[in-house]
Amino acid sequence: MKSNTGPASGGVYRYYVLIMLMLTFMFNITDRLVMSILIEDIKAEFVLNDTQIGLLAGTAFTVFYLILGIPAGRLADRTNRKTMVAVSLSLWSLMSALCGAALGFWTLLLARLGVGVGEAGGGPPSVSVITDYFAPHELSRAMGIYAAGAVLGPVLGYAAGGLLAEAYGWRWTFVILGLPGILLGVILYLTVREPERGRFFKQQMQKAGAARQQPFMVTMRSLWTNHIFVRVVLANSFTNIPSFAFAIWLAPTLIRNFDVSKGEVGVYLGAVMFAGGVPGMILGGYLADFLARKNPSWRPYYCAFAVMMTLPFWTFCLLSTSLEMTLALYICGYVLLVSTQGAAISMVQSAVMPTERGTASSISSLSINLLGYGIGPALIGLMSDNWADAHGSMSLNYAVITSVVVSLTLATILFWWTGKAVKTELAVA
C-alpha cells in the first residue's frame, strides 16, 4: 500500500500523530490494569484466590502474545501500520467492555484473552510509525512521550476505575472505560497518515541491502546475533516485572493493609502515577538523548543507574506501616524506573534495520509480557497464597518484594552489559 512521505522532521503534524499513538497506548494499559482496582470485588463475587486473580490480570494476555505477537510484528513490517493500530485498538476495547458481561472465572478469562488478541497488534506498528516521523537524535524523547501512555493508562484505570466501581459496580466500569477506545480507533484511522518506511535510515538500508522485508528466518537470525537488541530486550523485560507487579497488586495491597476504600486508593494511585510518571517518562527521554550525544553508551548506562536506584525505594515501600510513606517511597522509585522507558524503546528501534522494526518490537513486547504479565502476576499470587498462613495480609507484600529484588538486580546487570555492547559496536565502526 502506498505511503505518504509525511511532514519534514520539524513538522507539527508529527506531534499530533505521536499524541494519538500515545493515547492508543494509554487505552492499552487502561484496559489491562483497570482490573487491579476491581480485584477485590471480582474476587468476592466469583470466590477466587490470588493465583486465579494473577491468571486473569496477567497470564490471559500472554497466551495470545505468544501466539500472535511475532506474526503481528511481521505484518507491521510490510502492511499499512496506522490501519493495523486502529483495528487492534477497536478490537481490544470491545473485548474489554465485554468483560463486564462475565458470568464467572472462565468467561472473564475468555474476555481477557480477547483483550490480549487486540493488544498484540497495537504496539509494534505504533513504535515503527514513530520511528519514521522522528529523526534518530529525537527518538528517545519521542518514545518518552509515547511511553507516557503507560503512565496515563494506570491513572485512568485507577482513578476513574475506582470512582466508577464505587458508583456503578465493577461490571459497568469495564464497559464505560472500554467503549471510548473504539471511537479513538475510528479517529486514528481517519486522521493519521502512513509515513514513508525507513525515511531516516535510507543509507543504512542501502548499505545492508535491506530495502524490503527479509524472509522470517533471516530476520530472526539477524536479531538473534544483534547483541545490543538482545541485551536491551532482556534488560527491559526484567525491569518491567516489578513494574507490572506493582501495577496489578499495589491497589489490593493497600486495601488489605490500610483502612482505605477502592475510590480512595484509585485517586491516590492515579495522582501519584501522574505526578511522577509523566515527567519521569518525558524528562528521562530528554536526558537519555542529551547523554547519548556525548556518548551513545550512556543510554544503557543511565538505565542501569536508574533501575539500581529504584530497588531500595520499592523494597521499603512495601514494608512501611504508613500509607503516606508507602506512597512517597513508591513515587520516588516510579519516577526513576519509568525514566528508562523512552531510552529502552529507542535503543530497540535504532539497533535494528527499518524492515525489522515491527518484528523487533513484537519480540520485545512478547518478552516483556511473557515475564512481566504472563509469569510474574501468577507467580506472585501463588507465593502470596502459600505464605498467607505464616504472614497473613503481608504475604502479598513479601511476594512482590521478592520479585522486585530479583528482577531489578538482573535488569541493572543487563543494562550495564548493553552499554558494553554499544561501546564495542562504536569501536568497530
Protein backbone atom coordinates (compact mmCIF):
# COMPACT_ATOMS: atom_id res chain seq x y z
CA MET A 1 0.00 0.00 0.00
CA LYS A 2 1.29 3.41 -0.89
CA SER A 3 2.63 5.50 1.97
CA ASN A 4 2.74 9.25 2.43
CA THR A 5 6.16 10.67 2.96
CA GLY A 6 4.71 12.77 5.75
CA PRO A 7 5.97 16.08 7.05
CA ALA A 8 9.55 17.08 7.43
CA SER A 9 11.38 16.28 10.61
CA GLY A 10 10.37 19.59 12.20
CA GLY A 11 6.67 19.48 11.26
CA VAL A 12 3.88 19.98 13.80
CA TYR A 13 1.67 17.21 12.40
CA ARG A 14 4.06 14.52 13.61
CA TYR A 15 3.29 15.57 17.20
CA TYR A 16 -0.41 15.05 16.50
CA VAL A 17 0.44 11.52 15.33
CA LEU A 18 2.61 10.99 18.42
CA ILE A 19 -0.20 12.10 20.76
CA MET A 20 -2.72 9.86 19.00
CA LEU A 21 -0.41 6.86 19.37
CA MET A 22 0.31 7.82 22.99
CA LEU A 23 -3.45 7.85 23.67
CA THR A 24 -3.70 4.45 22.00
CA PHE A 25 -1.01 3.16 24.36
CA MET A 26 -2.88 4.79 27.26
CA PHE A 27 -6.05 2.82 26.47
CA ASN A 28 -3.93 -0.30 26.03
CA ILE A 29 -2.67 -0.01 29.61
CA THR A 30 -6.02 1.20 30.99
CA ASP A 31 -7.81 -1.86 29.64
CA ARG A 32 -5.12 -4.11 31.10
CA LEU A 33 -4.86 -2.55 34.55
CA VAL A 34 -8.39 -1.41 35.37
CA MET A 35 -8.85 -4.89 36.76
CA SER A 36 -6.31 -4.12 39.51
CA ILE A 37 -8.69 -1.72 41.25
CA LEU A 38 -11.56 -4.18 40.72
CA ILE A 39 -9.75 -7.26 42.03
CA GLU A 40 -11.31 -7.36 45.48
CA ASP A 41 -14.88 -7.03 44.11
CA ILE A 42 -14.33 -9.68 41.41
CA LYS A 43 -12.60 -11.97 43.89
CA ALA A 44 -15.53 -11.71 46.31
CA GLU A 45 -18.28 -12.21 43.69
CA PHE A 46 -16.66 -15.20 41.95
CA VAL A 47 -14.92 -16.57 45.12
CA LEU A 48 -11.41 -16.59 43.62
CA ASN A 49 -7.94 -16.90 45.16
CA ASP A 50 -4.85 -14.78 44.39
CA THR A 51 -3.47 -17.36 41.96
CA GLN A 52 -6.65 -17.17 39.84
CA ILE A 53 -6.57 -13.37 40.01
CA GLY A 54 -2.98 -13.43 38.78
CA LEU A 55 -4.04 -15.58 35.83
CA LEU A 56 -6.87 -13.17 34.96
CA ALA A 57 -4.85 -10.00 35.43
CA GLY A 58 -1.71 -11.08 33.60
CA THR A 59 -1.40 -14.55 32.13
CA ALA A 60 -4.52 -14.18 29.95
CA PHE A 61 -2.75 -11.50 27.89
CA THR A 62 0.38 -13.51 27.39
CA VAL A 63 -1.32 -16.51 25.81
CA PHE A 64 -2.15 -14.58 22.65
CA TYR A 65 1.04 -12.52 22.75
CA LEU A 66 2.86 -15.84 22.43
CA ILE A 67 0.64 -16.90 19.52
CA LEU A 68 0.12 -13.61 17.66
CA GLY A 69 2.94 -11.29 18.80
CA ILE A 70 5.61 -12.12 16.22
CA PRO A 71 3.17 -12.60 13.29
CA ALA A 72 1.71 -9.17 14.17
CA GLY A 73 5.20 -7.68 14.11
CA ARG A 74 5.94 -9.24 10.73
CA LEU A 75 2.66 -7.86 9.41
CA ALA A 76 3.61 -4.39 10.71
CA ASP A 77 6.84 -4.56 8.68
CA ARG A 78 5.00 -4.89 5.37
CA THR A 79 1.47 -3.51 5.67
CA ASN A 80 -0.27 -0.22 6.46
CA ARG A 81 0.67 0.35 10.08
CA LYS A 82 -1.88 3.00 11.06
CA THR A 83 -4.74 0.75 9.87
CA MET A 84 -3.32 -2.09 11.92
CA VAL A 85 -3.21 0.10 15.04
CA ALA A 86 -6.77 1.37 14.52
CA VAL A 87 -8.23 -2.12 14.06
CA SER A 88 -6.31 -3.54 17.03
CA LEU A 89 -7.37 -0.68 19.30
CA SER A 90 -11.04 -1.10 18.41
CA LEU A 91 -10.86 -4.87 18.96
CA TRP A 92 -9.25 -4.83 22.40
CA SER A 93 -11.56 -2.01 23.56
CA LEU A 94 -14.61 -4.04 22.57
CA MET A 95 -13.31 -7.12 24.39
CA SER A 96 -12.53 -5.05 27.48
CA ALA A 97 -16.11 -3.78 27.54
CA LEU A 98 -17.35 -7.38 27.24
CA CYS A 99 -15.50 -8.25 30.48
CA GLY A 100 -18.42 -6.58 32.22
CA ALA A 101 -20.73 -9.35 30.99
CA ALA A 102 -18.66 -12.19 32.52
CA LEU A 103 -20.60 -14.93 34.33
CA GLY A 104 -17.65 -16.42 36.21
CA PHE A 105 -13.92 -17.15 36.13
CA TRP A 106 -13.85 -18.87 32.73
CA THR A 107 -15.98 -16.34 30.83
CA LEU A 108 -13.95 -13.49 32.31
CA LEU A 109 -10.76 -15.32 31.31
CA LEU A 110 -12.02 -15.64 27.72
CA ALA A 111 -12.82 -11.93 27.56
CA ARG A 112 -9.38 -11.08 28.92
CA LEU A 113 -7.85 -13.37 26.29
CA GLY A 114 -9.71 -11.32 23.69
CA VAL A 115 -8.15 -8.13 25.04
CA GLY A 116 -4.76 -9.77 24.53
CA VAL A 117 -5.62 -10.63 20.91
CA GLY A 118 -6.18 -6.97 20.08
CA GLU A 119 -3.24 -5.63 22.05
CA ALA A 120 -0.79 -7.98 20.32
CA GLY A 121 -1.26 -5.90 17.15
CA GLY A 122 -1.05 -2.42 18.65
CA GLY A 123 2.49 -1.86 19.90
CA PRO A 124 4.77 -2.97 17.03
CA PRO A 125 3.20 -0.78 14.32
CA SER A 126 2.94 2.20 16.71
CA VAL A 127 6.64 2.38 17.52
CA SER A 128 7.51 1.71 13.87
CA VAL A 129 5.39 4.69 12.78
CA ILE A 130 7.00 6.96 15.39
CA THR A 131 10.48 5.95 14.21
CA ASP A 132 9.56 7.18 10.72
CA TYR A 133 8.21 10.51 11.97
CA PHE A 134 11.15 11.46 14.23
CA ALA A 135 14.86 11.65 13.41
CA PRO A 136 17.29 9.41 15.35
CA HIS A 137 18.58 12.23 17.58
CA GLU A 138 14.97 12.94 18.70
CA LEU A 139 13.88 9.36 19.16
CA SER A 140 14.34 8.91 22.92
CA ARG A 141 12.26 11.98 23.72
CA ALA A 142 9.57 10.95 21.20
CA MET A 143 9.45 7.45 22.67
CA GLY A 144 9.35 9.03 26.14
CA ILE A 145 6.21 10.96 25.16
CA TYR A 146 4.73 7.81 23.62
CA ALA A 147 5.61 5.78 26.71
CA ALA A 148 3.81 8.39 28.86
CA GLY A 149 0.72 6.46 27.77
CA ALA A 150 1.92 3.69 30.07
CA VAL A 151 1.61 6.22 32.92
CA LEU A 152 -1.66 7.85 31.90
CA GLY A 153 -3.24 4.41 31.39
CA PRO A 154 -2.93 3.41 35.06
CA VAL A 155 -4.01 6.93 36.09
CA LEU A 156 -7.25 6.49 34.14
CA GLY A 157 -7.60 2.88 35.20
CA TYR A 158 -7.01 3.53 38.89
CA ALA A 159 -8.65 6.93 39.47
CA ALA A 160 -11.61 6.62 37.10
CA GLY A 161 -11.87 2.88 37.69
CA GLY A 162 -12.03 3.25 41.47
CA LEU A 163 -14.63 6.01 41.38
CA LEU A 164 -16.72 4.27 38.72
CA ALA A 165 -16.60 0.98 40.63
CA GLU A 166 -17.94 2.63 43.78
CA ALA A 167 -20.69 4.41 41.82
CA TYR A 168 -21.75 1.75 39.28
CA GLY A 169 -20.02 -1.53 40.19
CA TRP A 170 -17.17 -3.40 38.53
CA ARG A 171 -19.16 -4.59 35.51
CA TRP A 172 -20.16 -1.13 34.28
CA THR A 173 -16.62 0.08 34.96
CA PHE A 174 -15.31 -2.28 32.28
CA VAL A 175 -17.99 -1.07 29.84
CA ILE A 176 -17.52 2.67 30.47
CA LEU A 177 -13.72 2.53 30.16
CA GLY A 178 -13.71 0.13 27.21
CA LEU A 179 -16.04 1.80 24.72
CA PRO A 180 -14.14 5.12 24.19
CA GLY A 181 -11.24 3.17 22.66
CA ILE A 182 -13.47 2.17 19.74
CA LEU A 183 -14.13 5.85 18.95
CA LEU A 184 -10.41 6.64 19.20
CA GLY A 185 -9.69 3.84 16.74
CA VAL A 186 -12.03 5.40 14.17
CA ILE A 187 -10.49 8.88 14.61
CA LEU A 188 -6.96 7.47 14.30
CA TYR A 189 -7.85 5.63 11.09
CA LEU A 190 -9.36 8.76 9.52
CA THR A 191 -6.71 11.34 10.54
CA VAL A 192 -3.28 9.66 10.80
CA ARG A 193 -1.18 9.35 7.62
CA GLU A 194 1.12 6.42 6.98
CA PRO A 195 4.75 7.69 6.77
CA GLU A 196 7.41 6.51 4.34
CA ARG A 197 9.04 3.43 5.82
CA GLY A 198 12.68 3.91 6.82
CA ARG A 199 12.80 7.57 5.72
CA PHE A 200 15.61 8.44 8.16
CA PHE A 201 17.60 5.24 7.57
CA LYS A 202 17.91 5.02 3.76
CA GLN A 203 21.71 4.87 3.74
CA GLN A 204 21.67 2.15 6.39
CA MET A 205 19.14 0.16 4.35
CA GLN A 206 21.11 0.55 1.11
CA LYS A 207 24.35 -0.46 2.81
CA ALA A 208 22.76 -3.62 4.21
CA GLY A 209 20.73 -4.31 1.08
CA ALA A 210 17.53 -4.47 3.12
CA ALA A 211 15.07 -2.23 1.34
CA ARG A 212 12.42 -4.96 1.58
CA GLN A 213 11.43 -7.27 4.39
CA GLN A 214 13.72 -10.31 4.57
CA PRO A 215 12.49 -13.91 4.99
CA PHE A 216 11.42 -14.76 8.53
CA MET A 217 14.43 -16.90 9.47
CA VAL A 218 16.85 -14.34 8.01
CA THR A 219 15.25 -11.64 10.16
CA MET A 220 15.30 -13.82 13.28
CA ARG A 221 18.96 -14.71 12.72
CA SER A 222 19.80 -11.04 12.28
CA LEU A 223 18.04 -10.10 15.53
CA TRP A 224 19.48 -13.03 17.49
CA THR A 225 23.03 -12.03 16.54
CA ASN A 226 22.37 -8.35 17.31
CA HIS A 227 24.00 -8.05 20.76
CA ILE A 228 22.52 -4.64 21.56
CA PHE A 229 18.99 -5.73 20.67
CA VAL A 230 19.14 -9.00 22.65
CA ARG A 231 20.60 -7.39 25.77
CA VAL A 232 18.30 -4.38 25.91
CA VAL A 233 15.23 -6.59 25.39
CA LEU A 234 16.26 -8.82 28.29
CA ALA A 235 17.11 -5.82 30.48
CA ASN A 236 13.81 -4.07 29.83
CA SER A 237 11.86 -7.28 30.35
CA PHE A 238 13.27 -7.73 33.85
CA THR A 239 12.72 -4.01 34.50
CA ASN A 240 9.03 -4.41 33.77
CA ILE A 241 8.41 -7.44 36.00
CA PRO A 242 8.20 -5.37 39.23
CA SER A 243 6.57 -2.50 37.32
CA PHE A 244 3.68 -4.77 36.30
CA ALA A 245 3.68 -6.41 39.74
CA PHE A 246 3.02 -3.05 41.38
CA ALA A 247 0.52 -2.07 38.69
CA ILE A 248 -1.56 -5.19 39.37
CA TRP A 249 -1.00 -5.82 43.07
CA LEU A 250 -0.40 -2.42 44.72
CA ALA A 251 -4.09 -1.47 44.87
CA PRO A 252 -5.23 -4.70 46.58
CA THR A 253 -2.18 -4.50 48.87
CA LEU A 254 -3.20 -1.03 50.07
CA ILE A 255 -6.83 -2.10 50.51
CA ARG A 256 -5.79 -5.11 52.58
CA ASN A 257 -3.20 -3.34 54.75
CA PHE A 258 -4.76 0.09 55.27
CA ASP A 259 -8.23 1.39 56.06
CA VAL A 260 -8.99 2.83 52.60
CA SER A 261 -11.77 2.34 50.04
CA LYS A 262 -11.43 1.47 46.35
CA GLY A 263 -12.25 5.03 45.36
CA GLU A 264 -9.61 6.48 47.70
CA VAL A 265 -6.94 4.03 46.54
CA GLY A 266 -7.78 4.76 42.91
CA VAL A 267 -7.45 8.52 43.38
CA TYR A 268 -4.24 8.18 45.42
CA LEU A 269 -2.54 5.90 42.92
CA GLY A 270 -3.79 7.91 39.95
CA ALA A 271 -2.39 11.13 41.41
CA VAL A 272 0.92 9.52 42.36
CA MET A 273 1.41 7.94 38.93
CA PHE A 274 0.51 11.14 37.09
CA ALA A 275 2.75 13.34 39.26
CA GLY A 276 5.73 11.02 38.97
CA GLY A 277 5.20 9.12 35.75
CA VAL A 278 4.58 11.81 33.14
CA PRO A 279 7.63 13.97 33.99
CA GLY A 280 9.68 10.82 34.58
CA MET A 281 8.90 9.43 31.11
CA ILE A 282 9.41 12.70 29.21
CA LEU A 283 12.41 14.11 31.12
CA GLY A 284 14.05 10.68 31.12
CA GLY A 285 13.83 10.61 27.33
CA TYR A 286 15.36 14.09 27.03
CA LEU A 287 18.14 13.21 29.49
CA ALA A 288 18.95 9.99 27.63
CA ASP A 289 19.15 11.89 24.31
CA PHE A 290 21.42 14.51 25.92
CA LEU A 291 23.78 11.90 27.35
CA ALA A 292 23.79 9.89 24.11
CA ARG A 293 25.03 12.90 22.15
CA LYS A 294 28.19 12.82 24.24
CA ASN A 295 28.48 9.03 24.26
CA PRO A 296 25.77 6.60 22.94
CA SER A 297 26.70 4.04 25.59
CA TRP A 298 25.31 6.40 28.23
CA ARG A 299 21.75 5.49 27.22
CA PRO A 300 22.01 1.97 28.68
CA TYR A 301 24.32 3.11 31.50
CA TYR A 302 21.73 5.68 32.57
CA CYS A 303 19.07 2.96 32.55
CA ALA A 304 21.27 0.73 34.73
CA PHE A 305 21.76 3.54 37.26
CA ALA A 306 18.05 4.44 37.40
CA VAL A 307 16.96 0.80 37.81
CA MET A 308 19.54 0.22 40.56
CA MET A 309 18.28 3.29 42.47
CA THR A 310 14.67 2.09 42.20
CA LEU A 311 15.32 -1.12 44.13
CA PRO A 312 15.59 0.27 47.71
CA PHE A 313 12.63 2.63 47.28
CA TRP A 314 10.29 -0.12 46.14
CA THR A 315 11.54 -2.65 48.69
CA PHE A 316 10.96 -0.40 51.70
CA CYS A 317 7.73 0.92 50.20
CA LEU A 318 6.01 -2.40 50.90
CA LEU A 319 7.45 -2.66 54.43
CA SER A 320 6.11 0.69 55.58
CA THR A 321 3.28 0.81 58.13
CA SER A 322 2.19 4.26 56.97
CA LEU A 323 0.04 4.85 53.88
CA GLU A 324 1.69 8.22 53.28
CA MET A 325 5.22 6.78 53.47
CA THR A 326 4.24 3.86 51.23
CA LEU A 327 3.04 6.26 48.53
CA ALA A 328 6.06 8.57 48.94
CA LEU A 329 8.56 5.72 48.54
CA TYR A 330 6.60 4.31 45.63
CA ILE A 331 6.61 7.58 43.69
CA CYS A 332 10.38 8.01 44.16
CA GLY A 333 11.04 4.59 42.66
CA TYR A 334 8.40 5.08 39.99
CA VAL A 335 9.96 8.30 38.65
CA LEU A 336 13.32 6.56 38.32
CA LEU A 337 12.02 3.37 36.72
CA VAL A 338 9.75 4.96 34.11
CA SER A 339 12.50 7.39 33.09
CA THR A 340 14.26 4.44 31.42
CA GLN A 341 11.44 3.52 29.06
CA GLY A 342 11.96 6.11 26.31
CA ALA A 343 15.65 5.19 26.10
CA ALA A 344 14.93 1.45 26.14
CA ILE A 345 12.35 1.62 23.34
CA SER A 346 14.57 3.87 21.21
CA MET A 347 17.53 1.50 21.65
CA VAL A 348 15.45 -1.41 20.38
CA GLN A 349 14.32 0.55 17.32
CA SER A 350 17.67 2.16 16.44
CA ALA A 351 19.62 -1.09 16.87
CA VAL A 352 17.77 -2.88 14.03
CA MET A 353 17.05 -2.35 10.34
CA PRO A 354 13.87 -0.42 9.39
CA THR A 355 12.41 -3.58 7.81
CA GLU A 356 12.99 -5.43 11.10
CA ARG A 357 11.41 -2.90 13.46
CA GLY A 358 7.93 -4.39 13.68
CA THR A 359 9.35 -7.86 14.32
CA ALA A 360 11.88 -6.46 16.82
CA SER A 361 9.16 -4.56 18.65
CA SER A 362 6.91 -7.60 18.78
CA ILE A 363 9.73 -9.75 20.20
CA SER A 364 10.45 -7.06 22.80
CA SER A 365 6.75 -6.84 23.72
CA LEU A 366 6.49 -10.62 23.79
CA SER A 367 9.43 -10.89 26.18
CA ILE A 368 8.11 -8.11 28.44
CA ASN A 369 4.62 -9.59 28.52
CA LEU A 370 5.80 -13.17 28.98
CA LEU A 371 7.89 -12.28 32.03
CA GLY A 372 6.02 -9.25 33.33
CA TYR A 373 2.41 -10.27 32.71
CA GLY A 374 2.47 -13.97 31.93
CA ILE A 375 4.68 -15.35 34.68
CA GLY A 376 5.05 -12.52 37.21
CA PRO A 377 1.45 -11.93 38.42
CA ALA A 378 0.55 -15.62 38.64
CA LEU A 379 3.82 -16.46 40.44
CA ILE A 380 3.31 -13.59 42.89
CA GLY A 381 -0.27 -14.74 43.52
CA LEU A 382 0.96 -18.30 44.11
CA MET A 383 3.63 -17.11 46.59
CA SER A 384 1.04 -14.96 48.37
CA ASP A 385 -1.37 -17.88 48.74
CA ASN A 386 1.40 -20.18 50.04
CA TRP A 387 2.70 -17.61 52.53
CA ALA A 388 -0.74 -16.45 53.75
CA ASP A 389 -0.86 -18.77 56.79
CA ALA A 390 2.52 -17.57 58.04
CA HIS A 391 2.31 -13.86 57.18
CA GLY A 392 -1.38 -13.02 56.85
CA SER A 393 -2.15 -9.89 54.81
CA MET A 394 1.59 -9.18 54.48
CA SER A 395 2.10 -12.32 52.37
CA LEU A 396 1.30 -10.35 49.20
CA ASN A 397 3.79 -7.64 50.19
CA TYR A 398 6.59 -10.17 50.63
CA ALA A 399 5.76 -11.84 47.32
CA VAL A 400 6.02 -8.52 45.45
CA ILE A 401 9.25 -7.60 47.28
CA THR A 402 10.80 -10.88 46.13
CA SER A 403 10.03 -10.03 42.51
CA VAL A 404 11.44 -6.50 42.96
CA VAL A 405 14.80 -7.59 44.39
CA VAL A 406 15.45 -10.41 41.91
CA SER A 407 14.20 -8.64 38.78
CA LEU A 408 15.78 -5.22 39.29
CA THR A 409 19.15 -6.73 40.22
CA LEU A 410 19.17 -8.69 36.96
CA ALA A 411 17.94 -5.65 34.98
CA THR A 412 20.77 -3.48 36.32
CA ILE A 413 23.37 -6.03 35.26
CA LEU A 414 21.81 -6.46 31.82
CA PHE A 415 21.59 -2.71 31.08
CA TRP A 416 25.25 -2.37 32.05
CA TRP A 417 26.05 -5.27 29.74
CA THR A 418 24.14 -3.48 26.96
CA GLY A 419 26.39 -0.45 27.44
CA LYS A 420 29.41 -2.67 26.86
CA ALA A 421 27.87 -3.88 23.58
CA VAL A 422 27.30 -0.27 22.44
CA LYS A 423 30.93 0.57 23.23
CA THR A 424 32.14 -2.44 21.25
CA GLU A 425 30.00 -1.51 18.24
CA LEU A 426 31.31 2.08 18.29
CA ALA A 427 34.89 0.80 18.42
CA VAL A 428 34.28 -1.48 15.41
CA ALA A 429 32.58 1.31 13.46
